[in-house]
Amino acid sequence: MNAKATASTIFGVVVALLGTLWLVQGLGLVHIGPVLCVANCEPITGKSTQWTVTGIISLFVGLVIVWAGLRRGNR
């Protein structure tokens, strides 16, 4: 694997993991309070359609980036 393929794969894994976290938070399966808060930050309580959709999209994009990075590395 070359450096670009490795960097792409690592970036895709990070995006996919964030998408998974946002998905499970949006579904109400995991509750994590705000970490770095500048203004009025409140934790998400219950289900959130916005975070569920954002998580699904991010997970899909991350998996596509991982797939592309692995494919580029196998050439």
Protein backbone atom coordinates (compact mmCIF):
# COMPACT_ATOMS: atom_id res chain seq x y z
CA MET A 1 0.00 0.00 0.00
CA ASN A 2 1.24 3.47 -0.78
CA ALA A 3 0.93 6.48 1.52
CA LYS A 4 -2.17 7.92 -0.19
CA ALA A 5 -4.05 4.64 0.04
CA THR A 6 -3.11 4.21 3.70
CA ALA A 7 -4.13 7.77 4.59
CA SER A 8 -7.41 7.37 2.70
CA THR A 9 -8.18 4.11 4.46
CA ILE A 10 -7.43 5.55 7.90
CA PHE A 11 -9.55 8.65 7.18
CA GLY A 12 -12.41 6.44 5.98
CA VAL A 13 -12.25 4.33 9.14
CA VAL A 14 -12.43 7.47 11.31
CA VAL A 15 -15.42 8.80 9.35
CA ALA A 16 -17.17 5.42 9.53
CA LEU A 17 -16.60 5.18 13.29
CA LEU A 18 -17.96 8.70 13.82
CA GLY A 19 -20.95 7.81 11.66
CA THR A 20 -21.56 4.71 13.76
CA LEU A 21 -21.39 6.76 16.96
CA TRP A 22 -23.81 9.37 15.59
CA LEU A 23 -26.14 6.63 14.39
CA VAL A 24 -26.37 4.88 17.76
CA GLN A 25 -26.73 8.22 19.55
CA GLY A 26 -29.51 9.22 17.16
CA LEU A 27 -31.29 5.93 17.79
CA GLY A 28 -31.08 6.58 21.53
CA LEU A 29 -28.88 3.55 22.26
CA VAL A 30 -25.93 5.54 23.66
CA HIS A 31 -26.02 8.71 25.76
CA ILE A 32 -22.89 10.85 25.90
CA GLY A 33 -22.87 14.37 27.32
CA PRO A 34 -21.24 17.31 25.54
CA VAL A 35 -17.44 17.28 25.80
CA LEU A 36 -16.36 20.75 24.65
CA CYS A 37 -19.15 23.22 25.18
CA VAL A 38 -18.91 26.89 24.24
CA ALA A 39 -22.51 28.03 24.57
CA ASN A 40 -25.72 26.45 25.90
CA CYS A 41 -24.99 22.78 25.26
CA GLU A 42 -27.52 20.16 26.20
CA PRO A 43 -27.14 16.42 25.76
CA ILE A 44 -29.36 14.67 23.25
CA THR A 45 -32.05 12.85 25.19
CA GLY A 46 -34.05 10.23 23.39
CA LYS A 47 -34.10 9.60 19.67
CA SER A 48 -33.01 12.16 17.10
CA THR A 49 -33.89 11.74 13.44
CA GLN A 50 -31.30 14.32 12.39
CA TRP A 51 -28.42 12.46 14.09
CA THR A 52 -29.67 9.10 12.84
CA VAL A 53 -29.66 10.30 9.22
CA THR A 54 -26.30 12.06 9.68
CA GLY A 55 -24.86 8.85 11.12
CA ILE A 56 -26.14 6.71 8.27
CA ILE A 57 -24.74 9.08 5.65
CA SER A 58 -21.37 9.39 7.43
CA LEU A 59 -21.10 5.63 7.89
CA PHE A 60 -21.81 5.05 4.20
CA VAL A 61 -19.34 7.73 3.07
CA GLY A 62 -16.68 6.34 5.41
CA LEU A 63 -17.14 2.82 4.07
CA VAL A 64 -16.87 4.07 0.48
CA ILE A 65 -13.63 5.89 1.35
CA VAL A 66 -12.24 2.75 3.01
CA TRP A 67 -13.22 0.66 0.00
CA ALA A 68 -11.58 3.14 -2.39
CA GLY A 69 -8.42 3.28 -0.28
CA LEU A 70 -8.12 -0.49 -0.13
CA ARG A 71 -8.80 -0.79 -3.84
CA ARG A 72 -6.13 1.85 -4.60
CA GLY A 73 -3.67 0.03 -2.36
CA ASN A 74 -4.14 -3.29 -4.14
CA ARG A 75 -3.12 -1.91 -7.53
